[in-house]
Amino acid sequence: MPVQIKRLLIAFVIFIGIMLGFKYYLTPQSWGEYGHYRGAALDEIADKEPNFAEMETCAMCHDSIADLKSQGEHQFIECETCHGPGYKHANDSDNIGMERPNGRELCLRCHTKNPARPEDFIKQIEEPGHSEGEECITCHNPHQPWL
């Protein structure tokens, strides 16, 4: 066997050995316990404080807005999509913490003309030229978009 092949095989064996060592030392003990992820991740995630509330939670205090929203085209969009995480606000009403969406960027995430979106499902606008310089909520109430 030529010398260069022997050297290549030795380098390959050393490389495989180093990689197996890395795998042994870097793989968490709980890896594969419940599938292809760390089993300990479940406990870590469960220990985190939740930071969202559902529409029903918002409706407990904001029932008039929830009634308006339930009649509109945004009825299936969670409040937190526009207003941000509401868990702390729901547990402590003194904690204002909720966002009042301003600017066009939020609305335009869904309503900018995009050929990949169904036009009959999501109303789309050609952004340039559509009330430039104005916020969407100047003319449109997101809780009553049909007005």
C-alpha atoms as a PDB file:
ATOM      1  CA  MET A   1       0.000   0.000   0.000  1.00  0.00           C
ATOM      2  CA  PRO A   2       1.425   3.419  -0.916  1.00  0.00           C
ATOM      3  CA  VAL A   3       2.637   5.625   1.950  1.00  0.00           C
ATOM      4  CA  GLN A   4       0.239   8.481   1.118  1.00  0.00           C
ATOM      5  CA  ILE A   5      -2.760   6.120   1.424  1.00  0.00           C
ATOM      6  CA  LYS A   6      -1.503   4.897   4.826  1.00  0.00           C
ATOM      7  CA  ARG A   7      -1.128   8.514   6.006  1.00  0.00           C
ATOM      8  CA  LEU A   8      -4.603   9.364   4.703  1.00  0.00           C
ATOM      9  CA  LEU A   9      -6.133   6.374   6.530  1.00  0.00           C
ATOM     10  CA  ILE A  10      -4.335   7.321   9.776  1.00  0.00           C
ATOM     11  CA  ALA A  11      -5.562  10.931   9.451  1.00  0.00           C
ATOM     12  CA  PHE A  12      -9.081   9.653   8.739  1.00  0.00           C
ATOM     13  CA  VAL A  13      -9.072   7.361  11.799  1.00  0.00           C
ATOM     14  CA  ILE A  14      -7.777  10.203  14.007  1.00  0.00           C
ATOM     15  CA  PHE A  15     -10.456  12.549  12.611  1.00  0.00           C
ATOM     16  CA  ILE A  16     -13.234  10.005  13.253  1.00  0.00           C
ATOM     17  CA  GLY A  17     -11.908   9.430  16.781  1.00  0.00           C
ATOM     18  CA  ILE A  18     -11.901  13.173  17.521  1.00  0.00           C
ATOM     19  CA  MET A  19     -15.432  13.544  16.158  1.00  0.00           C
ATOM     20  CA  LEU A  20     -16.696  10.613  18.272  1.00  0.00           C
ATOM     21  CA  GLY A  21     -15.054  12.208  21.311  1.00  0.00           C
ATOM     22  CA  PHE A  22     -16.793  15.522  20.580  1.00  0.00           C
ATOM     23  CA  LYS A  23     -20.114  13.701  20.155  1.00  0.00           C
ATOM     24  CA  TYR A  24     -19.681  11.903  23.463  1.00  0.00           C
ATOM     25  CA  TYR A  25     -18.743  15.019  25.456  1.00  0.00           C
ATOM     26  CA  LEU A  26     -21.116  17.472  23.765  1.00  0.00           C
ATOM     27  CA  THR A  27     -24.277  15.353  23.614  1.00  0.00           C
ATOM     28  CA  PRO A  28     -26.537  16.019  26.639  1.00  0.00           C
ATOM     29  CA  GLN A  29     -27.422  13.033  28.823  1.00  0.00           C
ATOM     30  CA  SER A  30     -31.139  13.439  28.098  1.00  0.00           C
ATOM     31  CA  TRP A  31     -30.685  13.426  24.302  1.00  0.00           C
ATOM     32  CA  GLY A  32     -33.028  10.976  22.609  1.00  0.00           C
ATOM     33  CA  GLU A  33     -35.045  10.262  25.744  1.00  0.00           C
ATOM     34  CA  TYR A  34     -38.325  11.199  23.990  1.00  0.00           C
ATOM     35  CA  GLY A  35     -37.159  11.403  20.382  1.00  0.00           C
ATOM     36  CA  HIS A  36     -34.663  13.533  18.543  1.00  0.00           C
ATOM     37  CA  TYR A  37     -34.304  16.317  21.095  1.00  0.00           C
ATOM     38  CA  ARG A  38     -33.208  16.829  24.680  1.00  0.00           C
ATOM     39  CA  GLY A  39     -35.591  15.287  27.188  1.00  0.00           C
ATOM     40  CA  ALA A  40     -34.594  17.930  29.761  1.00  0.00           C
ATOM     41  CA  ALA A  41     -35.868  20.632  27.370  1.00  0.00           C
ATOM     42  CA  LEU A  42     -39.453  19.791  28.361  1.00  0.00           C
ATOM     43  CA  ASP A  43     -38.823  20.713  31.999  1.00  0.00           C
ATOM     44  CA  GLU A  44     -36.918  23.847  31.003  1.00  0.00           C
ATOM     45  CA  ILE A  45     -39.783  25.005  28.797  1.00  0.00           C
ATOM     46  CA  ALA A  46     -42.409  24.158  31.436  1.00  0.00           C
ATOM     47  CA  ASP A  47     -40.519  26.237  34.023  1.00  0.00           C
ATOM     48  CA  LYS A  48     -40.735  29.389  31.890  1.00  0.00           C
ATOM     49  CA  GLU A  49     -43.472  31.852  32.692  1.00  0.00           C
ATOM     50  CA  PRO A  50     -46.039  31.998  29.881  1.00  0.00           C
ATOM     51  CA  ASN A  51     -46.281  35.351  28.186  1.00  0.00           C
ATOM     52  CA  PHE A  52     -49.443  35.096  26.129  1.00  0.00           C
ATOM     53  CA  ALA A  53     -53.141  35.255  26.794  1.00  0.00           C
ATOM     54  CA  GLU A  54     -55.917  34.122  24.502  1.00  0.00           C
ATOM     55  CA  MET A  55     -58.722  36.228  23.038  1.00  0.00           C
ATOM     56  CA  GLU A  56     -61.102  34.940  25.698  1.00  0.00           C
ATOM     57  CA  THR A  57     -58.828  36.361  28.390  1.00  0.00           C
ATOM     58  CA  CYS A  58     -58.837  39.773  26.697  1.00  0.00           C
ATOM     59  CA  ALA A  59     -62.617  39.634  26.234  1.00  0.00           C
ATOM     60  CA  MET A  60     -63.197  39.236  29.981  1.00  0.00           C
ATOM     61  CA  CYS A  61     -62.362  42.937  30.459  1.00  0.00           C
ATOM     62  CA  HIS A  62     -62.610  44.292  26.942  1.00  0.00           C
ATOM     63  CA  ASP A  63     -65.979  42.788  26.025  1.00  0.00           C
ATOM     64  CA  SER A  64     -67.205  45.689  23.881  1.00  0.00           C
ATOM     65  CA  ILE A  65     -64.093  45.515  21.704  1.00  0.00           C
ATOM     66  CA  ALA A  66     -64.353  41.726  21.570  1.00  0.00           C
ATOM     67  CA  ASP A  67     -67.961  42.039  20.354  1.00  0.00           C
ATOM     68  CA  LEU A  68     -66.912  44.435  17.596  1.00  0.00           C
ATOM     69  CA  LYS A  69     -63.992  42.236  16.651  1.00  0.00           C
ATOM     70  CA  SER A  70     -66.152  39.088  16.547  1.00  0.00           C
ATOM     71  CA  GLN A  71     -68.253  40.663  13.776  1.00  0.00           C
ATOM     72  CA  GLY A  72     -65.265  41.684  11.677  1.00  0.00           C
ATOM     73  CA  GLU A  73     -62.768  40.188   9.330  1.00  0.00           C
ATOM     74  CA  HIS A  74     -60.100  40.042  12.039  1.00  0.00           C
ATOM     75  CA  GLN A  75     -62.220  37.835  14.291  1.00  0.00           C
ATOM     76  CA  PHE A  76     -59.845  34.871  14.141  1.00  0.00           C
ATOM     77  CA  ILE A  77     -56.666  36.885  14.658  1.00  0.00           C
ATOM     78  CA  GLU A  78     -55.434  36.757  18.239  1.00  0.00           C
ATOM     79  CA  CYS A  79     -55.317  40.129  20.027  1.00  0.00           C
ATOM     80  CA  GLU A  80     -51.632  39.613  20.767  1.00  0.00           C
ATOM     81  CA  THR A  81     -50.799  39.508  17.072  1.00  0.00           C
ATOM     82  CA  CYS A  82     -51.167  43.292  17.056  1.00  0.00           C
ATOM     83  CA  HIS A  83     -50.915  44.213  20.740  1.00  0.00           C
ATOM     84  CA  GLY A  84     -48.031  41.985  21.847  1.00  0.00           C
ATOM     85  CA  PRO A  85     -47.865  39.545  24.785  1.00  0.00           C
ATOM     86  CA  GLY A  86     -50.692  40.095  27.236  1.00  0.00           C
ATOM     87  CA  TYR A  87     -50.152  37.602  30.040  1.00  0.00           C
ATOM     88  CA  LYS A  88     -48.778  40.122  32.560  1.00  0.00           C
ATOM     89  CA  HIS A  89     -51.449  42.662  31.636  1.00  0.00           C
ATOM     90  CA  ALA A  90     -54.183  40.034  32.076  1.00  0.00           C
ATOM     91  CA  ASN A  91     -52.927  39.100  35.547  1.00  0.00           C
ATOM     92  CA  ASP A  92     -52.350  42.693  36.674  1.00  0.00           C
ATOM     93  CA  SER A  93     -54.466  45.327  34.943  1.00  0.00           C
ATOM     94  CA  ASP A  94     -52.217  48.054  36.386  1.00  0.00           C
ATOM     95  CA  ASN A  95     -49.444  46.611  34.241  1.00  0.00           C
ATOM     96  CA  ILE A  96     -50.216  48.521  31.039  1.00  0.00           C
ATOM     97  CA  GLY A  97     -47.524  46.701  29.041  1.00  0.00           C
ATOM     98  CA  MET A  98     -49.717  46.239  25.951  1.00  0.00           C
ATOM     99  CA  GLU A  99     -48.746  47.841  22.678  1.00  0.00           C
ATOM    100  CA  ARG A 100     -51.018  50.186  20.777  1.00  0.00           C
ATOM    101  CA  PRO A 101     -49.986  49.506  17.213  1.00  0.00           C
ATOM    102  CA  ASN A 102     -48.816  52.592  15.376  1.00  0.00           C
ATOM    103  CA  GLY A 103     -47.289  52.893  11.978  1.00  0.00           C
ATOM    104  CA  ARG A 104     -48.030  51.086   8.784  1.00  0.00           C
ATOM    105  CA  GLU A 105     -45.591  48.184   9.131  1.00  0.00           C
ATOM    106  CA  LEU A 106     -47.851  46.029  11.294  1.00  0.00           C
ATOM    107  CA  CYS A 107     -50.851  46.209   8.977  1.00  0.00           C
ATOM    108  CA  LEU A 108     -48.732  45.909   5.865  1.00  0.00           C
ATOM    109  CA  ARG A 109     -47.334  42.564   7.011  1.00  0.00           C
ATOM    110  CA  CYS A 110     -50.630  41.020   5.933  1.00  0.00           C
ATOM    111  CA  HIS A 111     -52.204  43.621   3.640  1.00  0.00           C
ATOM    112  CA  THR A 112     -49.382  44.468   1.202  1.00  0.00           C
ATOM    113  CA  LYS A 113     -50.209  43.267  -2.298  1.00  0.00           C
ATOM    114  CA  ASN A 114     -48.639  39.851  -2.715  1.00  0.00           C
ATOM    115  CA  PRO A 115     -49.522  37.466  -5.558  1.00  0.00           C
ATOM    116  CA  ALA A 116     -48.935  34.483  -3.248  1.00  0.00           C
ATOM    117  CA  ARG A 117     -51.846  35.509  -0.992  1.00  0.00           C
ATOM    118  CA  PRO A 118     -55.451  34.834  -1.925  1.00  0.00           C
ATOM    119  CA  GLU A 119     -56.996  38.232  -2.753  1.00  0.00           C
ATOM    120  CA  ASP A 120     -60.500  37.142  -1.840  1.00  0.00           C
ATOM    121  CA  PHE A 121     -59.358  36.121   1.661  1.00  0.00           C
ATOM    122  CA  ILE A 122     -56.993  38.952   2.662  1.00  0.00           C
ATOM    123  CA  LYS A 123     -57.700  42.472   1.460  1.00  0.00           C
ATOM    124  CA  GLN A 124     -54.519  43.733  -0.150  1.00  0.00           C
ATOM    125  CA  ILE A 125     -53.363  47.207  -1.082  1.00  0.00           C
ATOM    126  CA  GLU A 126     -50.707  48.638  -3.332  1.00  0.00           C
ATOM    127  CA  GLU A 127     -48.671  50.326  -0.621  1.00  0.00           C
ATOM    128  CA  PRO A 128     -47.028  53.089  -2.663  1.00  0.00           C
ATOM    129  CA  GLY A 129     -49.654  55.736  -3.175  1.00  0.00           C
ATOM    130  CA  HIS A 130     -52.160  54.423  -0.620  1.00  0.00           C
ATOM    131  CA  SER A 131     -52.434  57.215   1.969  1.00  0.00           C
ATOM    132  CA  GLU A 132     -48.674  57.658   2.134  1.00  0.00           C
ATOM    133  CA  GLY A 133     -47.449  59.235   5.338  1.00  0.00           C
ATOM    134  CA  GLU A 134     -50.635  58.320   7.239  1.00  0.00           C
ATOM    135  CA  GLU A 135     -51.070  55.576   9.791  1.00  0.00           C
ATOM    136  CA  CYS A 136     -53.616  52.933   8.840  1.00  0.00           C
ATOM    137  CA  ILE A 137     -55.647  53.558  12.001  1.00  0.00           C
ATOM    138  CA  THR A 138     -56.228  57.149  10.878  1.00  0.00           C
ATOM    139  CA  CYS A 139     -58.830  55.822   8.412  1.00  0.00           C
ATOM    140  CA  HIS A 140     -59.336  52.196   9.468  1.00  0.00           C
ATOM    141  CA  ASN A 141     -60.376  50.834  12.848  1.00  0.00           C
ATOM    142  CA  PRO A 142     -58.801  47.359  13.092  1.00  0.00           C
ATOM    143  CA  HIS A 143     -61.616  46.268  15.401  1.00  0.00           C
ATOM    144  CA  GLN A 144     -64.169  47.390  12.783  1.00  0.00           C
ATOM    145  CA  PRO A 145     -62.309  47.086   9.466  1.00  0.00           C
ATOM    146  CA  TRP A 146     -65.534  47.063   7.466  1.00  0.00           C
ATOM    147  CA  LEU A 147     -66.150  50.763   8.236  1.00  0.00           C
END
